[in-house]
Amino acid sequence: MRRELIGFALAIVACSHGTQEVSFVDVKQADLVIGVEVVGELAAVDSLDVKPPALYETWDFKIAELATEGAEVKEGDPIVAFDPSEQARNLETLENEAEAAKKKLDKKRDDAALARRDE
């Protein structure tokens, strides 16, 4: 109780100095920005490994598009897109080889059928 009386007396004395000029300050509401230096490592709360597709004898993937760093993505949202031009060239080459092999096989069949007729 004695502390309370001393605190009350000090408050009265402080308020009784009415001779000081009152100054006003503009007050505005804003975010409180406090910087704190932190050292250490961050660990993700939830993460998922993102890997390129497993393609036979293909190790060199070129990234064509990448999600913005720090963006929040949902399941099914594209994260990374690879340039398919190399795979498209390989597919075209294989299709041409398959077509050439088919023509070669057809020619051998025709030659075999002609040889049977000649016999």
PDB file of N, CA and C in Angstrom:
ATOM      1  N   MET A   1       0.829  -1.178   0.000  1.00  0.00           N
ATOM      2  CA  MET A   1       0.000   0.000   0.000  1.00  0.00           C
ATOM      3  C   MET A   1       0.881   1.251   0.000  1.00  0.00           C
ATOM      4  N   ARG A   2       1.975   1.173   0.675  1.00  0.00           N
ATOM      5  CA  ARG A   2       2.862   2.318   0.742  1.00  0.00           C
ATOM      6  C   ARG A   2       3.409   2.646  -0.647  1.00  0.00           C
ATOM      7  N   ARG A   3       3.744   1.602  -1.431  1.00  0.00           N
ATOM      8  CA  ARG A   3       4.231   1.813  -2.792  1.00  0.00           C
ATOM      9  C   ARG A   3       3.172   2.507  -3.642  1.00  0.00           C
ATOM     10  N   GLU A   4       1.932   2.103  -3.456  1.00  0.00           N
ATOM     11  CA  GLU A   4       0.847   2.709  -4.218  1.00  0.00           C
ATOM     12  C   GLU A   4       0.711   4.193  -3.880  1.00  0.00           C
ATOM     13  N   LEU A   5       0.856   4.538  -2.639  1.00  0.00           N
ATOM     14  CA  LEU A   5       0.770   5.937  -2.225  1.00  0.00           C
ATOM     15  C   LEU A   5       1.923   6.744  -2.798  1.00  0.00           C
ATOM     16  N   ILE A   6       3.109   6.167  -2.801  1.00  0.00           N
ATOM     17  CA  ILE A   6       4.263   6.865  -3.353  1.00  0.00           C
ATOM     18  C   ILE A   6       4.059   7.081  -4.856  1.00  0.00           C
ATOM     19  N   GLY A   7       3.576   6.039  -5.552  1.00  0.00           N
ATOM     20  CA  GLY A   7       3.311   6.152  -6.993  1.00  0.00           C
ATOM     21  C   GLY A   7       2.252   7.196  -7.273  1.00  0.00           C
ATOM     22  N   PHE A   8       1.198   7.241  -6.427  1.00  0.00           N
ATOM     23  CA  PHE A   8       0.132   8.230  -6.604  1.00  0.00           C
ATOM     24  C   PHE A   8       0.657   9.640  -6.354  1.00  0.00           C
ATOM     25  N   ALA A   9       1.483   9.791  -5.383  1.00  0.00           N
ATOM     26  CA  ALA A   9       2.053  11.104  -5.058  1.00  0.00           C
ATOM     27  C   ALA A   9       2.952  11.581  -6.189  1.00  0.00           C
ATOM     28  N   LEU A  10       3.742  10.705  -6.743  1.00  0.00           N
ATOM     29  CA  LEU A  10       4.605  11.074  -7.863  1.00  0.00           C
ATOM     30  C   LEU A  10       3.772  11.477  -9.077  1.00  0.00           C
ATOM     31  N   ALA A  11       2.688  10.769  -9.327  1.00  0.00           N
ATOM     32  CA  ALA A  11       1.816  11.104 -10.451  1.00  0.00           C
ATOM     33  C   ALA A  11       1.208  12.485 -10.262  1.00  0.00           C
ATOM     34  N   ILE A  12       0.794  12.830  -9.038  1.00  0.00           N
ATOM     35  CA  ILE A  12       0.211  14.147  -8.769  1.00  0.00           C
ATOM     36  C   ILE A  12       1.263  15.233  -8.967  1.00  0.00           C
ATOM     37  N   VAL A  13       2.479  14.989  -8.499  1.00  0.00           N
ATOM     38  CA  VAL A  13       3.551  15.971  -8.645  1.00  0.00           C
ATOM     39  C   VAL A  13       3.866  16.167 -10.114  1.00  0.00           C
ATOM     40  N   ALA A  14       3.908  15.085 -10.883  1.00  0.00           N
ATOM     41  CA  ALA A  14       4.231  15.180 -12.306  1.00  0.00           C
ATOM     42  C   ALA A  14       3.144  15.938 -13.053  1.00  0.00           C
ATOM     43  N   CYS A  15       1.899  15.747 -12.673  1.00  0.00           N
ATOM     44  CA  CYS A  15       0.798  16.430 -13.349  1.00  0.00           C
ATOM     45  C   CYS A  15       0.672  17.886 -12.927  1.00  0.00           C
ATOM     46  N   SER A  16       1.201  18.236 -11.775  1.00  0.00           N
ATOM     47  CA  SER A  16       1.039  19.599 -11.276  1.00  0.00           C
ATOM     48  C   SER A  16       1.946  20.595 -11.973  1.00  0.00           C
ATOM     49  N   HIS A  17       2.899  20.152 -12.752  1.00  0.00           N
ATOM     50  CA  HIS A  17       3.807  21.040 -13.486  1.00  0.00           C
ATOM     51  C   HIS A  17       3.113  21.495 -14.754  1.00  0.00           C
ATOM     52  N   GLY A  18       2.090  22.267 -14.655  1.00  0.00           N
ATOM     53  CA  GLY A  18       1.298  22.728 -15.788  1.00  0.00           C
ATOM     54  C   GLY A  18       1.930  23.872 -16.538  1.00  0.00           C
ATOM     55  N   THR A  19       3.075  24.304 -16.145  1.00  0.00           N
ATOM     56  CA  THR A  19       3.711  25.428 -16.813  1.00  0.00           C
ATOM     57  C   THR A  19       4.378  25.029 -18.124  1.00  0.00           C
ATOM     58  N   GLN A  20       4.581  23.722 -18.335  1.00  0.00           N
ATOM     59  CA  GLN A  20       5.210  23.277 -19.576  1.00  0.00           C
ATOM     60  C   GLN A  20       4.213  23.396 -20.724  1.00  0.00           C
ATOM     61  N   GLU A  21       4.741  23.707 -21.907  1.00  0.00           N
ATOM     62  CA  GLU A  21       3.890  23.840 -23.095  1.00  0.00           C
ATOM     63  C   GLU A  21       3.544  22.453 -23.622  1.00  0.00           C
ATOM     64  N   VAL A  22       2.304  22.277 -24.015  1.00  0.00           N
ATOM     65  CA  VAL A  22       1.824  20.998 -24.550  1.00  0.00           C
ATOM     66  C   VAL A  22       2.100  20.972 -26.044  1.00  0.00           C
ATOM     67  N   SER A  23       2.707  19.889 -26.511  1.00  0.00           N
ATOM     68  CA  SER A  23       2.948  19.749 -27.952  1.00  0.00           C
ATOM     69  C   SER A  23       2.179  18.535 -28.474  1.00  0.00           C
ATOM     70  N   PHE A  24       1.659  18.675 -29.684  1.00  0.00           N
ATOM     71  CA  PHE A  24       0.889  17.604 -30.301  1.00  0.00           C
ATOM     72  C   PHE A  24       1.740  16.905 -31.355  1.00  0.00           C
ATOM     73  N   VAL A  25       1.504  15.619 -31.498  1.00  0.00           N
ATOM     74  CA  VAL A  25       2.246  14.808 -32.456  1.00  0.00           C
ATOM     75  C   VAL A  25       1.241  14.080 -33.331  1.00  0.00           C
ATOM     76  N   ASP A  26       1.489  14.068 -34.634  1.00  0.00           N
ATOM     77  CA  ASP A  26       0.628  13.306 -35.533  1.00  0.00           C
ATOM     78  C   ASP A  26       0.900  11.815 -35.335  1.00  0.00           C
ATOM     79  N   VAL A  27      -0.171  11.075 -35.232  1.00  0.00           N
ATOM     80  CA  VAL A  27      -0.057   9.631 -35.013  1.00  0.00           C
ATOM     81  C   VAL A  27      -0.690   8.941 -36.203  1.00  0.00           C
ATOM     82  N   LYS A  28      -0.018   7.930 -36.711  1.00  0.00           N
ATOM     83  CA  LYS A  28      -0.587   7.157 -37.814  1.00  0.00           C
ATOM     84  C   LYS A  28      -0.394   5.678 -37.528  1.00  0.00           C
ATOM     85  N   GLN A  29      -1.306   4.883 -38.065  1.00  0.00           N
ATOM     86  CA  GLN A  29      -1.235   3.445 -37.867  1.00  0.00           C
ATOM     87  C   GLN A  29      -0.411   2.848 -39.001  1.00  0.00           C
ATOM     88  N   ALA A  30       0.569   2.023 -38.661  1.00  0.00           N
ATOM     89  CA  ALA A  30       1.436   1.377 -39.655  1.00  0.00           C
ATOM     90  C   ALA A  30       1.972   0.080 -39.071  1.00  0.00           C
ATOM     91  N   ASP A  31       2.612  -0.700 -39.932  1.00  0.00           N
ATOM     92  CA  ASP A  31       3.225  -1.944 -39.475  1.00  0.00           C
ATOM     93  C   ASP A  31       4.468  -1.619 -38.661  1.00  0.00           C
ATOM     94  N   LEU A  32       4.663  -2.378 -37.603  1.00  0.00           N
ATOM     95  CA  LEU A  32       5.860  -2.227 -36.796  1.00  0.00           C
ATOM     96  C   LEU A  32       6.948  -3.087 -37.428  1.00  0.00           C
ATOM     97  N   VAL A  33       8.012  -2.459 -37.873  1.00  0.00           N
ATOM     98  CA  VAL A  33       9.100  -3.172 -38.543  1.00  0.00           C
ATOM     99  C   VAL A  33      10.281  -3.252 -37.589  1.00  0.00           C
ATOM    100  N   ILE A  34      10.613  -4.470 -37.242  1.00  0.00           N
ATOM    101  CA  ILE A  34      11.742  -4.701 -36.344  1.00  0.00           C
ATOM    102  C   ILE A  34      12.661  -5.689 -37.034  1.00  0.00           C
ATOM    103  N   GLY A  35      13.912  -5.369 -37.153  1.00  0.00           N
ATOM    104  CA  GLY A  35      14.872  -6.277 -37.768  1.00  0.00           C
ATOM    105  C   GLY A  35      15.610  -7.058 -36.708  1.00  0.00           C
ATOM    106  N   VAL A  36      15.726  -8.351 -36.959  1.00  0.00           N
ATOM    107  CA  VAL A  36      16.436  -9.217 -36.033  1.00  0.00           C
ATOM    108  C   VAL A  36      17.414 -10.053 -36.841  1.00  0.00           C
ATOM    109  N   GLU A  37      18.670 -10.039 -36.455  1.00  0.00           N
ATOM    110  CA  GLU A  37      19.666 -10.845 -37.149  1.00  0.00           C
ATOM    111  C   GLU A  37      19.595 -12.273 -36.619  1.00  0.00           C
ATOM    112  N   VAL A  38      19.433 -13.221 -37.547  1.00  0.00           N
ATOM    113  CA  VAL A  38      19.288 -14.618 -37.171  1.00  0.00           C
ATOM    114  C   VAL A  38      20.303 -15.442 -37.946  1.00  0.00           C
ATOM    115  N   VAL A  39      20.900 -16.392 -37.296  1.00  0.00           N
ATOM    116  CA  VAL A  39      21.860 -17.281 -37.936  1.00  0.00           C
ATOM    117  C   VAL A  39      21.340 -18.711 -37.795  1.00  0.00           C
ATOM    118  N   GLY A  40      21.403 -19.474 -38.881  1.00  0.00           N
ATOM    119  CA  GLY A  40      20.970 -20.863 -38.806  1.00  0.00           C
ATOM    120  C   GLY A  40      20.435 -21.326 -40.145  1.00  0.00           C
ATOM    121  N   GLU A  41      19.741 -22.435 -40.126  1.00  0.00           N
ATOM    122  CA  GLU A  41      19.168 -23.010 -41.331  1.00  0.00           C
ATOM    123  C   GLU A  41      17.656 -23.040 -41.213  1.00  0.00           C
ATOM    124  N   LEU A  42      16.996 -22.850 -42.355  1.00  0.00           N
ATOM    125  CA  LEU A  42      15.550 -22.964 -42.395  1.00  0.00           C
ATOM    126  C   LEU A  42      15.177 -24.367 -42.866  1.00  0.00           C
ATOM    127  N   ALA A  43      14.132 -24.891 -42.324  1.00  0.00           N
ATOM    128  CA  ALA A  43      13.636 -26.193 -42.745  1.00  0.00           C
ATOM    129  C   ALA A  43      12.194 -26.025 -43.195  1.00  0.00           C
ATOM    130  N   ALA A  44      11.862 -26.631 -44.322  1.00  0.00           N
ATOM    131  CA  ALA A  44      10.505 -26.535 -44.855  1.00  0.00           C
ATOM    132  C   ALA A  44       9.548 -27.314 -43.969  1.00  0.00           C
ATOM    133  N   VAL A  45       8.364 -26.760 -43.794  1.00  0.00           N
ATOM    134  CA  VAL A  45       7.336 -27.446 -43.031  1.00  0.00           C
ATOM    135  C   VAL A  45       6.780 -28.588 -43.866  1.00  0.00           C
ATOM    136  N   ASP A  46       6.581 -28.324 -45.153  1.00  0.00           N
ATOM    137  CA  ASP A  46       6.036 -29.328 -46.057  1.00  0.00           C
ATOM    138  C   ASP A  46       6.735 -29.149 -47.398  1.00  0.00           C
ATOM    139  N   SER A  47       7.325 -30.194 -47.923  1.00  0.00           N
ATOM    140  CA  SER A  47       8.038 -30.078 -49.191  1.00  0.00           C
ATOM    141  C   SER A  47       7.865 -31.351 -50.005  1.00  0.00           C
ATOM    142  N   LEU A  48       8.236 -31.249 -51.272  1.00  0.00           N
ATOM    143  CA  LEU A  48       8.121 -32.376 -52.190  1.00  0.00           C
ATOM    144  C   LEU A  48       9.267 -32.274 -53.183  1.00  0.00           C
ATOM    145  N   ASP A  49       9.943 -33.383 -53.449  1.00  0.00           N
ATOM    146  CA  ASP A  49      11.023 -33.384 -54.431  1.00  0.00           C
ATOM    147  C   ASP A  49      10.424 -33.307 -55.833  1.00  0.00           C
ATOM    148  N   VAL A  50      10.998 -32.453 -56.657  1.00  0.00           N
ATOM    149  CA  VAL A  50      10.562 -32.307 -58.043  1.00  0.00           C
ATOM    150  C   VAL A  50      11.693 -32.794 -58.926  1.00  0.00           C
ATOM    151  N   LYS A  51      11.400 -33.796 -59.773  1.00  0.00           N
ATOM    152  CA  LYS A  51      12.422 -34.396 -60.619  1.00  0.00           C
ATOM    153  C   LYS A  51      11.943 -34.400 -62.062  1.00  0.00           C
ATOM    154  N   PRO A  52      12.886 -34.433 -63.010  1.00  0.00           N
ATOM    155  CA  PRO A  52      12.481 -34.528 -64.420  1.00  0.00           C
ATOM    156  C   PRO A  52      11.926 -35.915 -64.711  1.00  0.00           C
ATOM    157  N   PRO A  53      11.196 -36.065 -65.802  1.00  0.00           N
ATOM    158  CA  PRO A  53      10.651 -37.383 -66.132  1.00  0.00           C
ATOM    159  C   PRO A  53      11.773 -38.371 -66.460  1.00  0.00           C
ATOM    160  N   ALA A  54      11.528 -39.629 -66.179  1.00  0.00           N
ATOM    161  CA  ALA A  54      12.521 -40.666 -66.459  1.00  0.00           C
ATOM    162  C   ALA A  54      12.385 -41.080 -67.921  1.00  0.00           C
ATOM    163  N   LEU A  55      13.316 -40.630 -68.755  1.00  0.00           N
ATOM    164  CA  LEU A  55      13.331 -40.972 -70.174  1.00  0.00           C
ATOM    165  C   LEU A  55      14.598 -41.755 -70.478  1.00  0.00           C
ATOM    166  N   TYR A  56      14.465 -42.773 -71.288  1.00  0.00           N
ATOM    167  CA  TYR A  56      15.592 -43.639 -71.635  1.00  0.00           C
ATOM    168  C   TYR A  56      16.719 -42.839 -72.277  1.00  0.00           C
ATOM    169  N   GLU A  57      17.910 -42.961 -71.724  1.00  0.00           N
ATOM    170  CA  GLU A  57      19.126 -42.318 -72.213  1.00  0.00           C
ATOM    171  C   GLU A  57      18.987 -40.797 -72.393  1.00  0.00           C
ATOM    172  N   THR A  58      18.234 -40.164 -71.511  1.00  0.00           N
ATOM    173  CA  THR A  58      18.092 -38.706 -71.562  1.00  0.00           C
ATOM    174  C   THR A  58      18.444 -38.150 -70.190  1.00  0.00           C
ATOM    175  N   TRP A  59      19.506 -37.342 -70.171  1.00  0.00           N
ATOM    176  CA  TRP A  59      19.955 -36.763 -68.909  1.00  0.00           C
ATOM    177  C   TRP A  59      19.983 -35.238 -68.973  1.00  0.00           C
ATOM    178  N   ASP A  60      19.991 -34.695 -70.168  1.00  0.00           N
ATOM    179  CA  ASP A  60      20.147 -33.251 -70.339  1.00  0.00           C
ATOM    180  C   ASP A  60      18.774 -32.614 -70.564  1.00  0.00           C
ATOM    181  N   PHE A  61      18.221 -32.025 -69.528  1.00  0.00           N
ATOM    182  CA  PHE A  61      16.922 -31.366 -69.630  1.00  0.00           C
ATOM    183  C   PHE A  61      17.122 -29.861 -69.586  1.00  0.00           C
ATOM    184  N   LYS A  62      16.438 -29.148 -70.452  1.00  0.00           N
ATOM    185  CA  LYS A  62      16.492 -27.687 -70.454  1.00  0.00           C
ATOM    186  C   LYS A  62      15.166 -27.167 -69.902  1.00  0.00           C
ATOM    187  N   ILE A  63      15.261 -26.300 -68.916  1.00  0.00           N
ATOM    188  CA  ILE A  63      14.065 -25.751 -68.284  1.00  0.00           C
ATOM    189  C   ILE A  63      13.512 -24.636 -69.168  1.00  0.00           C
ATOM    190  N   ALA A  64      12.240 -24.751 -69.543  1.00  0.00           N
ATOM    191  CA  ALA A  64      11.587 -23.742 -70.369  1.00  0.00           C
ATOM    192  C   ALA A  64      10.794 -22.755 -69.509  1.00  0.00           C
ATOM    193  N   GLU A  65      10.250 -23.235 -68.411  1.00  0.00           N
ATOM    194  CA  GLU A  65       9.435 -22.372 -67.547  1.00  0.00           C
ATOM    195  C   GLU A  65       9.557 -22.860 -66.117  1.00  0.00           C
ATOM    196  N   LEU A  66       9.565 -21.913 -65.180  1.00  0.00           N
ATOM    197  CA  LEU A  66       9.722 -22.247 -63.770  1.00  0.00           C
ATOM    198  C   LEU A  66       8.771 -21.392 -62.944  1.00  0.00           C
ATOM    199  N   ALA A  67       8.152 -21.983 -61.941  1.00  0.00           N
ATOM    200  CA  ALA A  67       7.245 -21.240 -61.063  1.00  0.00           C
ATOM    201  C   ALA A  67       8.033 -20.153 -60.335  1.00  0.00           C
ATOM    202  N   THR A  68       7.378 -19.074 -60.018  1.00  0.00           N
ATOM    203  CA  THR A  68       8.013 -17.954 -59.322  1.00  0.00           C
ATOM    204  C   THR A  68       8.492 -18.397 -57.944  1.00  0.00           C
ATOM    205  N   GLU A  69       9.689 -17.964 -57.579  1.00  0.00           N
ATOM    206  CA  GLU A  69      10.257 -18.333 -56.290  1.00  0.00           C
ATOM    207  C   GLU A  69       9.370 -17.809 -55.165  1.00  0.00           C
ATOM    208  N   GLY A  70       9.077 -18.671 -54.223  1.00  0.00           N
ATOM    209  CA  GLY A  70       8.262 -18.305 -53.074  1.00  0.00           C
ATOM    210  C   GLY A  70       6.770 -18.376 -53.330  1.00  0.00           C
ATOM    211  N   ALA A  71       6.378 -18.703 -54.563  1.00  0.00           N
ATOM    212  CA  ALA A  71       4.950 -18.789 -54.885  1.00  0.00           C
ATOM    213  C   ALA A  71       4.345 -20.017 -54.218  1.00  0.00           C
ATOM    214  N   GLU A  72       3.129 -19.874 -53.790  1.00  0.00           N
ATOM    215  CA  GLU A  72       2.418 -20.994 -53.186  1.00  0.00           C
ATOM    216  C   GLU A  72       1.720 -21.759 -54.295  1.00  0.00           C
ATOM    217  N   VAL A  73       1.992 -23.046 -54.401  1.00  0.00           N
ATOM    218  CA  VAL A  73       1.401 -23.870 -55.455  1.00  0.00           C
ATOM    219  C   VAL A  73       0.535 -24.959 -54.841  1.00  0.00           C
ATOM    220  N   LYS A  74      -0.489 -25.308 -55.576  1.00  0.00           N
ATOM    221  CA  LYS A  74      -1.401 -26.358 -55.134  1.00  0.00           C
ATOM    222  C   LYS A  74      -1.118 -27.617 -55.936  1.00  0.00           C
ATOM    223  N   GLU A  75      -1.634 -28.721 -55.486  1.00  0.00           N
ATOM    224  CA  GLU A  75      -1.451 -29.979 -56.198  1.00  0.00           C
ATOM    225  C   GLU A  75      -2.040 -29.848 -57.599  1.00  0.00           C
ATOM    226  N   GLY A  76      -1.252 -30.228 -58.586  1.00  0.00           N
ATOM    227  CA  GLY A  76      -1.697 -30.148 -59.975  1.00  0.00           C
ATOM    228  C   GLY A  76      -1.233 -28.888 -60.690  1.00  0.00           C
ATOM    229  N   ASP A  77      -0.775 -27.879 -59.951  1.00  0.00           N
ATOM    230  CA  ASP A  77      -0.255 -26.656 -60.579  1.00  0.00           C
ATOM    231  C   ASP A  77       1.104 -26.952 -61.201  1.00  0.00           C
ATOM    232  N   PRO A  78       1.389 -26.396 -62.391  1.00  0.00           N
ATOM    233  CA  PRO A  78       2.707 -26.617 -62.989  1.00  0.00           C
ATOM    234  C   PRO A  78       3.795 -25.895 -62.199  1.00  0.00           C
ATOM    235  N   ILE A  79       4.887 -26.583 -61.923  1.00  0.00           N
ATOM    236  CA  ILE A  79       6.008 -26.006 -61.191  1.00  0.00           C
ATOM    237  C   ILE A  79       7.161 -25.737 -62.143  1.00  0.00           C
ATOM    238  N   VAL A  80       7.420 -26.708 -63.006  1.00  0.00           N
ATOM    239  CA  VAL A  80       8.517 -26.579 -63.958  1.00  0.00           C
ATOM    240  C   VAL A  80       8.099 -27.218 -65.279  1.00  0.00           C
ATOM    241  N   ALA A  81       8.503 -26.586 -66.374  1.00  0.00           N
ATOM    242  CA  ALA A  81       8.238 -27.128 -67.709  1.00  0.00           C
ATOM    243  C   ALA A  81       9.582 -27.261 -68.423  1.00  0.00           C
ATOM    244  N   PHE A  82       9.786 -28.410 -69.050  1.00  0.00           N
ATOM    245  CA  PHE A  82      11.026 -28.666 -69.752  1.00  0.00           C
ATOM    246  C   PHE A  82      10.839 -28.441 -71.242  1.00  0.00           C
ATOM    247  N   ASP A  83      11.918 -28.044 -71.920  1.00  0.00           N
ATOM    248  CA  ASP A  83      11.910 -27.823 -73.360  1.00  0.00           C
ATOM    249  C   ASP A  83      11.844 -29.182 -74.061  1.00  0.00           C
ATOM    250  N   PRO A  84      10.779 -29.457 -74.822  1.00  0.00           N
ATOM    251  CA  PRO A  84      10.617 -30.777 -75.442  1.00  0.00           C
ATOM    252  C   PRO A  84      11.272 -30.900 -76.821  1.00  0.00           C
ATOM    253  N   SER A  85      12.008 -29.893 -77.288  1.00  0.00           N
ATOM    254  CA  SER A  85      12.525 -29.913 -78.655  1.00  0.00           C
ATOM    255  C   SER A  85      13.480 -31.084 -78.894  1.00  0.00           C
ATOM    256  N   GLU A  86      14.336 -31.404 -77.939  1.00  0.00           N
ATOM    257  CA  GLU A  86      15.280 -32.524 -78.097  1.00  0.00           C
ATOM    258  C   GLU A  86      14.522 -33.845 -78.209  1.00  0.00           C
ATOM    259  N   GLN A  87      13.520 -34.033 -77.375  1.00  0.00           N
ATOM    260  CA  GLN A  87      12.739 -35.263 -77.422  1.00  0.00           C
ATOM    261  C   GLN A  87      11.923 -35.337 -78.713  1.00  0.00           C
ATOM    262  N   ALA A  88      11.443 -34.188 -79.202  1.00  0.00           N
ATOM    263  CA  ALA A  88      10.685 -34.168 -80.461  1.00  0.00           C
ATOM    264  C   ALA A  88      11.590 -34.573 -81.624  1.00  0.00           C
ATOM    265  N   ARG A  89      12.837 -34.084 -81.626  1.00  0.00           N
ATOM    266  CA  ARG A  89      13.793 -34.487 -82.679  1.00  0.00           C
ATOM    267  C   ARG A  89      14.085 -35.981 -82.606  1.00  0.00           C
ATOM    268  N   ASN A  90      14.287 -36.485 -81.392  1.00  0.00           N
ATOM    269  CA  ASN A  90      14.541 -37.926 -81.231  1.00  0.00           C
ATOM    270  C   ASN A  90      13.355 -38.750 -81.701  1.00  0.00           C
ATOM    271  N   LEU A  91      12.147 -38.304 -81.387  1.00  0.00           N
ATOM    272  CA  LEU A  91      10.941 -39.012 -81.821  1.00  0.00           C
ATOM    273  C   LEU A  91      10.836 -39.016 -83.339  1.00  0.00           C
ATOM    274  N   GLU A  92      11.105 -37.877 -83.958  1.00  0.00           N
ATOM    275  CA  GLU A  92      11.039 -37.789 -85.420  1.00  0.00           C
ATOM    276  C   GLU A  92      12.074 -38.713 -86.060  1.00  0.00           C
ATOM    277  N   THR A  93      13.280 -38.760 -85.501  1.00  0.00           N
ATOM    278  CA  THR A  93      14.331 -39.648 -86.013  1.00  0.00           C
ATOM    279  C   THR A  93      13.892 -41.110 -85.909  1.00  0.00           C
ATOM    280  N   LEU A  94      13.349 -41.490 -84.764  1.00  0.00           N
ATOM    281  CA  LEU A  94      12.898 -42.869 -84.570  1.00  0.00           C
ATOM    282  C   LEU A  94      11.732 -43.215 -85.495  1.00  0.00           C
ATOM    283  N   GLU A  95      10.820 -42.260 -85.700  1.00  0.00           N
ATOM    284  CA  GLU A  95       9.704 -42.513 -86.624  1.00  0.00           C
ATOM    285  C   GLU A  95      10.220 -42.712 -88.045  1.00  0.00           C
ATOM    286  N   ASN A  96      11.212 -41.911 -88.463  1.00  0.00           N
ATOM    287  CA  ASN A  96      11.796 -42.070 -89.797  1.00  0.00           C
ATOM    288  C   ASN A  96      12.496 -43.422 -89.934  1.00  0.00           C
ATOM    289  N   GLU A  97      13.221 -43.836 -88.888  1.00  0.00           N
ATOM    290  CA  GLU A  97      13.880 -45.139 -88.912  1.00  0.00           C
ATOM    291  C   GLU A  97      12.860 -46.261 -88.983  1.00  0.00           C
ATOM    292  N   ALA A  98      11.759 -46.128 -88.243  1.00  0.00           N
ATOM    293  CA  ALA A  98      10.705 -47.157 -88.270  1.00  0.00           C
ATOM    294  C   ALA A  98      10.064 -47.227 -89.652  1.00  0.00           C
ATOM    295  N   GLU A  99       9.830 -46.086 -90.276  1.00  0.00           N
ATOM    296  CA  GLU A  99       9.246 -46.049 -91.627  1.00  0.00           C
ATOM    297  C   GLU A  99      10.187 -46.693 -92.636  1.00  0.00           C
ATOM    298  N   ALA A 100      11.498 -46.392 -92.522  1.00  0.00           N
ATOM    299  CA  ALA A 100      12.486 -46.994 -93.429  1.00  0.00           C
ATOM    300  C   ALA A 100      12.543 -48.503 -93.227  1.00  0.00           C
ATOM    301  N   ALA A 101      12.485 -48.965 -91.980  1.00  0.00           N
ATOM    302  CA  ALA A 101      12.503 -50.404 -91.697  1.00  0.00           C
ATOM    303  C   ALA A 101      11.248 -51.074 -92.242  1.00  0.00           C
ATOM    304  N   LYS A 102      10.118 -50.396 -92.147  1.00  0.00           N
ATOM    305  CA  LYS A 102       8.857 -50.951 -92.676  1.00  0.00           C
ATOM    306  C   LYS A 102       8.941 -51.097 -94.193  1.00  0.00           C
ATOM    307  N   LYS A 103       9.485 -50.080 -94.876  1.00  0.00           N
ATOM    308  CA  LYS A 103       9.629 -50.145 -96.333  1.00  0.00           C
ATOM    309  C   LYS A 103      10.590 -51.262 -96.728  1.00  0.00           C
ATOM    310  N   LYS A 104      11.667 -51.422 -95.958  1.00  0.00           N
ATOM    311  CA  LYS A 104      12.636 -52.483 -96.233  1.00  0.00           C
ATOM    312  C   LYS A 104      11.994 -53.856 -96.056  1.00  0.00           C
ATOM    313  N   LEU A 105      11.172 -54.002 -95.008  1.00  0.00           N
ATOM    314  CA  LEU A 105      10.460 -55.256 -94.754  1.00  0.00           C
ATOM    315  C   LEU A 105       9.450 -55.531 -95.865  1.00  0.00           C
ATOM    316  N   ASP A 106       8.706 -54.502 -96.288  1.00  0.00           N
ATOM    317  CA  ASP A 106       7.739 -54.672 -97.381  1.00  0.00           C
ATOM    318  C   ASP A 106       8.451 -55.114 -98.663  1.00  0.00           C
ATOM    319  N   LYS A 107       9.625 -54.532 -98.928  1.00  0.00           N
ATOM    320  CA  LYS A 107      10.385 -54.894-100.136  1.00  0.00           C
ATOM    321  C   LYS A 107      10.836 -56.341-100.060  1.00  0.00           C
ATOM    322  N   LYS A 108      11.299 -56.779 -98.868  1.00  0.00           N
ATOM    323  CA  LYS A 108      11.728 -58.172 -98.713  1.00  0.00           C
ATOM    324  C   LYS A 108      10.550 -59.115 -98.898  1.00  0.00           C
ATOM    325  N   ARG A 109       9.381 -58.750 -98.391  1.00  0.00           N
ATOM    326  CA  ARG A 109       8.177 -59.578 -98.579  1.00  0.00           C
ATOM    327  C   ARG A 109       7.814 -59.671-100.062  1.00  0.00           C
ATOM    328  N   ASP A 110       7.861 -58.527-100.739  1.00  0.00           N
ATOM    329  CA  ASP A 110       7.545 -58.515-102.177  1.00  0.00           C
ATOM    330  C   ASP A 110       8.552 -59.365-102.951  1.00  0.00           C
ATOM    331  N   ASP A 111       9.844 -59.245-102.615  1.00  0.00           N
ATOM    332  CA  ASP A 111      10.873 -60.043-103.280  1.00  0.00           C
ATOM    333  C   ASP A 111      10.662 -61.528-103.018  1.00  0.00           C
ATOM    334  N   ALA A 112      10.302 -61.879-101.765  1.00  0.00           N
ATOM    335  CA  ALA A 112      10.065 -63.283-101.425  1.00  0.00           C
ATOM    336  C   ALA A 112       8.842 -63.808-102.169  1.00  0.00           C
ATOM    337  N   ALA A 113       7.776 -62.996-102.284  1.00  0.00           N
ATOM    338  CA  ALA A 113       6.568 -63.418-103.011  1.00  0.00           C
ATOM    339  C   ALA A 113       6.880 -63.587-104.501  1.00  0.00           C
ATOM    340  N   LEU A 114       7.683 -62.714-105.068  1.00  0.00           N
ATOM    341  CA  LEU A 114       8.077 -62.800-106.473  1.00  0.00           C
ATOM    342  C   LEU A 114       8.949 -64.033-106.714  1.00  0.00           C
ATOM    343  N   ALA A 115       9.831 -64.323-105.758  1.00  0.00           N
ATOM    344  CA  ALA A 115      10.693 -65.496-105.891  1.00  0.00           C
ATOM    345  C   ALA A 115       9.861 -66.764-105.846  1.00  0.00           C
ATOM    346  N   ARG A 116       8.826 -66.823-105.022  1.00  0.00           N
ATOM    347  CA  ARG A 116       7.944 -67.996-104.954  1.00  0.00           C
ATOM    348  C   ARG A 116       7.192 -68.192-106.246  1.00  0.00           C
ATOM    349  N   ARG A 117       6.760 -67.087-106.840  1.00  0.00           N
ATOM    350  CA  ARG A 117       6.033 -67.187-108.117  1.00  0.00           C
ATOM    351  C   ARG A 117       6.934 -67.696-109.228  1.00  0.00           C
ATOM    352  N   ASP A 118       8.188 -67.247-109.193  1.00  0.00           N
ATOM    353  CA  ASP A 118       9.131 -67.669-110.228  1.00  0.00           C
ATOM    354  C   ASP A 118       9.459 -69.154-110.116  1.00  0.00           C
ATOM    355  N   GLU A 119       9.413 -69.717-108.930  1.00  0.00           N
ATOM    356  CA  GLU A 119       9.743 -71.120-108.749  1.00  0.00           C
ATOM    357  C   GLU A 119       8.596 -71.930-109.259  1.00  0.00           C
TER     358      GLU A 119
END
